[in-house]
Amino acid sequence: MGYLRTQEIKPTCEDAPKTPAVHPQNLRVKQVRTLLNYPVDLVVEWLKFQDVDRPNQLPPTKIDELIKTICLEWAADKFDHSNHATTPPTHTKSTLLMLLLMV
């Protein structure tokens, strides 16, 4: 019986899948939006209102404002009274704080 000699195939740079690098601010917004099941259309509308196409085109304070808006809108339907959305229970506050601080 003869043995087949196998050659080791090494991937080249052309074989590697090419994925574009995602800006950290775009990723942050996407992660929060996805986690809270927030409609992408509303994020796009908010960005257009700010005269930009992507979150990374905004200053950091505006990114924080967008994340806060997403979190507050998510929290708004979790309470019977809309004014409770701005002062949620402690466990929800910590969840919102973690989302706001995500990097």
C-alpha atoms as a PDB file:
ATOM      1  CA  MET A   1       0.000   0.000   0.000  1.00  0.00           C
ATOM      2  CA  GLY A   2       1.294   3.376  -0.896  1.00  0.00           C
ATOM      3  CA  TYR A   3       0.917   6.453   1.191  1.00  0.00           C
ATOM      4  CA  LEU A   4      -0.498   9.607  -0.259  1.00  0.00           C
ATOM      5  CA  ARG A   5       1.634  12.593   0.445  1.00  0.00           C
ATOM      6  CA  THR A   6      -0.466  15.557   1.433  1.00  0.00           C
ATOM      7  CA  GLN A   7       0.656  19.094   1.096  1.00  0.00           C
ATOM      8  CA  GLU A   8      -0.080  21.596   3.786  1.00  0.00           C
ATOM      9  CA  ILE A   9      -2.171  24.417   2.403  1.00  0.00           C
ATOM     10  CA  LYS A  10      -1.444  27.744   3.978  1.00  0.00           C
ATOM     11  CA  PRO A  11      -4.027  30.469   3.561  1.00  0.00           C
ATOM     12  CA  THR A  12      -2.839  33.610   1.900  1.00  0.00           C
ATOM     13  CA  CYS A  13      -4.010  37.132   2.569  1.00  0.00           C
ATOM     14  CA  GLU A  14      -6.325  36.887  -0.424  1.00  0.00           C
ATOM     15  CA  ASP A  15      -8.041  33.834   1.138  1.00  0.00           C
ATOM     16  CA  ALA A  16      -8.763  35.535   4.448  1.00  0.00           C
ATOM     17  CA  PRO A  17     -12.295  36.907   4.755  1.00  0.00           C
ATOM     18  CA  LYS A  18     -12.309  40.665   4.589  1.00  0.00           C
ATOM     19  CA  THR A  19     -14.511  42.387   7.094  1.00  0.00           C
ATOM     20  CA  PRO A  20     -14.456  46.140   7.310  1.00  0.00           C
ATOM     21  CA  ALA A  21     -13.369  47.604  10.610  1.00  0.00           C
ATOM     22  CA  VAL A  22     -16.298  48.977  12.594  1.00  0.00           C
ATOM     23  CA  HIS A  23     -15.837  52.280  14.373  1.00  0.00           C
ATOM     24  CA  PRO A  24     -16.181  51.816  18.171  1.00  0.00           C
ATOM     25  CA  GLN A  25     -18.977  54.419  18.434  1.00  0.00           C
ATOM     26  CA  ASN A  26     -20.956  52.747  15.649  1.00  0.00           C
ATOM     27  CA  LEU A  27     -20.504  49.393  17.373  1.00  0.00           C
ATOM     28  CA  ARG A  28     -21.551  50.841  20.745  1.00  0.00           C
ATOM     29  CA  VAL A  29     -24.799  52.206  19.294  1.00  0.00           C
ATOM     30  CA  LYS A  30     -25.465  48.953  17.427  1.00  0.00           C
ATOM     31  CA  GLN A  31     -24.898  46.828  20.540  1.00  0.00           C
ATOM     32  CA  VAL A  32     -27.268  48.907  22.676  1.00  0.00           C
ATOM     33  CA  ARG A  33     -29.852  49.106  19.887  1.00  0.00           C
ATOM     34  CA  THR A  34     -29.690  45.344  19.329  1.00  0.00           C
ATOM     35  CA  LEU A  35     -29.775  44.512  23.047  1.00  0.00           C
ATOM     36  CA  LEU A  36     -32.869  46.658  23.594  1.00  0.00           C
ATOM     37  CA  ASN A  37     -34.504  45.676  20.289  1.00  0.00           C
ATOM     38  CA  TYR A  38     -34.665  49.344  19.300  1.00  0.00           C
ATOM     39  CA  PRO A  39     -35.749  49.957  15.684  1.00  0.00           C
ATOM     40  CA  VAL A  40     -32.881  50.892  13.385  1.00  0.00           C
ATOM     41  CA  ASP A  41     -35.235  53.264  11.544  1.00  0.00           C
ATOM     42  CA  LEU A  42     -35.514  55.425  14.652  1.00  0.00           C
ATOM     43  CA  VAL A  43     -31.735  55.588  15.014  1.00  0.00           C
ATOM     44  CA  VAL A  44     -31.397  56.585  11.345  1.00  0.00           C
ATOM     45  CA  GLU A  45     -34.067  59.259  11.824  1.00  0.00           C
ATOM     46  CA  TRP A  46     -32.279  60.615  14.903  1.00  0.00           C
ATOM     47  CA  LEU A  47     -28.972  60.702  13.026  1.00  0.00           C
ATOM     48  CA  LYS A  48     -30.570  62.541  10.096  1.00  0.00           C
ATOM     49  CA  PHE A  49     -31.963  65.082  12.549  1.00  0.00           C
ATOM     50  CA  GLN A  50     -28.339  65.635  13.633  1.00  0.00           C
ATOM     51  CA  ASP A  51     -27.274  65.987   9.957  1.00  0.00           C
ATOM     52  CA  VAL A  52     -25.038  62.889   9.989  1.00  0.00           C
ATOM     53  CA  ASP A  53     -25.191  59.403   8.504  1.00  0.00           C
ATOM     54  CA  ARG A  54     -23.311  57.422  11.148  1.00  0.00           C
ATOM     55  CA  PRO A  55     -22.814  57.689  14.909  1.00  0.00           C
ATOM     56  CA  ASN A  56     -19.034  58.110  14.558  1.00  0.00           C
ATOM     57  CA  GLN A  57     -19.672  61.434  12.823  1.00  0.00           C
ATOM     58  CA  LEU A  58     -21.062  62.820  16.085  1.00  0.00           C
ATOM     59  CA  PRO A  59     -19.125  64.266  19.021  1.00  0.00           C
ATOM     60  CA  PRO A  60     -18.984  61.961  22.077  1.00  0.00           C
ATOM     61  CA  THR A  61     -21.617  64.004  23.953  1.00  0.00           C
ATOM     62  CA  LYS A  62     -24.115  63.455  21.140  1.00  0.00           C
ATOM     63  CA  ILE A  63     -23.363  59.704  21.124  1.00  0.00           C
ATOM     64  CA  ASP A  64     -24.146  59.635  24.842  1.00  0.00           C
ATOM     65  CA  GLU A  65     -27.369  61.547  24.155  1.00  0.00           C
ATOM     66  CA  LEU A  66     -28.383  58.995  21.515  1.00  0.00           C
ATOM     67  CA  ILE A  67     -27.665  56.070  23.860  1.00  0.00           C
ATOM     68  CA  LYS A  68     -29.597  57.799  26.643  1.00  0.00           C
ATOM     69  CA  THR A  69     -32.542  58.366  24.285  1.00  0.00           C
ATOM     70  CA  ILE A  70     -32.560  54.693  23.272  1.00  0.00           C
ATOM     71  CA  CYS A  71     -32.400  53.563  26.913  1.00  0.00           C
ATOM     72  CA  LEU A  72     -35.130  55.925  28.094  1.00  0.00           C
ATOM     73  CA  GLU A  73     -37.449  54.951  25.253  1.00  0.00           C
ATOM     74  CA  TRP A  74     -36.839  51.289  26.069  1.00  0.00           C
ATOM     75  CA  ALA A  75     -37.568  51.959  29.762  1.00  0.00           C
ATOM     76  CA  ALA A  76     -40.690  54.037  29.012  1.00  0.00           C
ATOM     77  CA  ASP A  77     -42.829  51.011  28.170  1.00  0.00           C
ATOM     78  CA  LYS A  78     -41.572  49.083  31.217  1.00  0.00           C
ATOM     79  CA  PHE A  79     -43.518  51.278  33.640  1.00  0.00           C
ATOM     80  CA  ASP A  80     -47.170  52.206  34.083  1.00  0.00           C
ATOM     81  CA  HIS A  81     -46.478  55.925  34.357  1.00  0.00           C
ATOM     82  CA  SER A  82     -44.258  57.657  31.841  1.00  0.00           C
ATOM     83  CA  ASN A  83     -42.577  59.801  34.525  1.00  0.00           C
ATOM     84  CA  HIS A  84     -41.203  56.587  36.097  1.00  0.00           C
ATOM     85  CA  ALA A  85     -39.099  56.020  32.990  1.00  0.00           C
ATOM     86  CA  THR A  86     -36.771  58.806  34.084  1.00  0.00           C
ATOM     87  CA  THR A  87     -36.581  57.483  37.662  1.00  0.00           C
ATOM     88  CA  PRO A  88     -36.681  53.686  37.364  1.00  0.00           C
ATOM     89  CA  PRO A  89     -36.117  51.255  40.256  1.00  0.00           C
ATOM     90  CA  THR A  90     -32.516  50.719  41.373  1.00  0.00           C
ATOM     91  CA  HIS A  91     -31.940  47.478  39.437  1.00  0.00           C
ATOM     92  CA  THR A  92     -33.136  49.114  36.222  1.00  0.00           C
ATOM     93  CA  LYS A  93     -31.027  52.194  36.949  1.00  0.00           C
ATOM     94  CA  SER A  94     -27.915  50.047  37.148  1.00  0.00           C
ATOM     95  CA  THR A  95     -28.801  48.310  33.877  1.00  0.00           C
ATOM     96  CA  LEU A  96     -29.306  51.655  32.165  1.00  0.00           C
ATOM     97  CA  LEU A  97     -26.093  53.006  33.631  1.00  0.00           C
ATOM     98  CA  MET A  98     -24.159  50.022  32.318  1.00  0.00           C
ATOM     99  CA  LEU A  99     -25.640  50.572  28.866  1.00  0.00           C
ATOM    100  CA  LEU A 100     -24.810  54.265  28.924  1.00  0.00           C
ATOM    101  CA  LEU A 101     -21.218  53.548  29.867  1.00  0.00           C
ATOM    102  CA  MET A 102     -20.643  50.754  27.334  1.00  0.00           C
ATOM    103  CA  VAL A 103     -17.586  51.357  25.239  1.00  0.00           C
END
